[in-house]
Amino acid sequence: MGDLVFIVPGIMAVLLLVSIFLRKHVIFFRKTLMPASIIAGMIGFILMNTGVIPVE
């Protein structure tokens, strides 16, 4: 349980960095003016529902 204090913010940081990269390089995200945090949330939602990120 104590490890989650460090793992969850790390996962959030990685998702945000990936979404910033995607927003910079994918024209669709740039043209729609979608914030990087929304993109990170969508990626996290997909990864949690597919079981890539385990949810306890």
Protein backbone atom coordinates (compact mmCIF):
# COMPACT_ATOMS: atom_id res chain seq x y z
CA MET A 1 0.00 0.00 0.00
CA GLY A 2 2.82 2.40 0.80
CA ASP A 3 4.42 1.89 -2.60
CA LEU A 4 1.35 3.27 -4.35
CA VAL A 5 2.26 6.71 -3.02
CA PHE A 6 5.21 6.72 -5.40
CA ILE A 7 3.86 4.56 -8.24
CA VAL A 8 0.63 6.44 -8.98
CA PRO A 9 2.22 9.90 -9.40
CA GLY A 10 4.91 8.28 -11.53
CA ILE A 11 2.30 6.73 -13.83
CA MET A 12 0.50 10.07 -14.01
CA ALA A 13 3.73 11.86 -14.90
CA VAL A 14 4.58 9.37 -17.65
CA LEU A 15 1.06 9.61 -19.09
CA LEU A 16 1.28 13.41 -19.09
CA LEU A 17 4.67 13.35 -20.82
CA VAL A 18 3.36 10.94 -23.46
CA SER A 19 0.31 13.12 -24.02
CA ILE A 20 2.48 16.25 -24.40
CA PHE A 21 4.55 14.41 -27.01
CA LEU A 22 1.41 13.25 -28.83
CA ARG A 23 -0.11 16.73 -28.76
CA LYS A 24 3.08 18.16 -30.24
CA HIS A 25 3.39 15.62 -33.06
CA VAL A 26 -0.18 14.55 -33.94
CA ILE A 27 -1.94 17.15 -36.04
CA PHE A 28 -5.43 16.08 -34.89
CA PHE A 29 -4.69 16.92 -31.24
CA ARG A 30 -3.09 20.23 -32.20
CA LYS A 31 -6.00 21.36 -34.37
CA THR A 32 -8.67 20.45 -31.81
CA LEU A 33 -6.80 22.36 -29.07
CA MET A 34 -7.29 19.42 -26.71
CA PRO A 35 -5.31 19.88 -23.47
CA ALA A 36 -2.53 17.41 -22.70
CA SER A 37 -4.19 16.48 -19.40
CA ILE A 38 -7.35 15.32 -21.22
CA ILE A 39 -5.26 13.22 -23.61
CA ALA A 40 -3.40 11.71 -20.63
CA GLY A 41 -6.72 10.91 -18.96
CA MET A 42 -8.02 9.17 -22.06
CA ILE A 43 -4.81 7.12 -22.38
CA GLY A 44 -4.97 6.21 -18.68
CA PHE A 45 -8.63 5.24 -18.96
CA ILE A 46 -7.89 2.96 -21.92
CA LEU A 47 -4.87 1.37 -20.23
CA MET A 48 -6.80 0.75 -16.98
CA ASN A 49 -9.75 -0.85 -18.79
CA THR A 50 -7.53 -3.11 -20.91
CA GLY A 51 -5.65 -4.30 -17.83
CA VAL A 52 -2.27 -2.81 -18.71
CA ILE A 53 -2.39 -0.68 -15.55
CA PRO A 54 -3.68 -2.86 -12.70
CA VAL A 55 -6.46 -1.37 -10.60
CA GLU A 56 -6.76 -2.69 -7.07
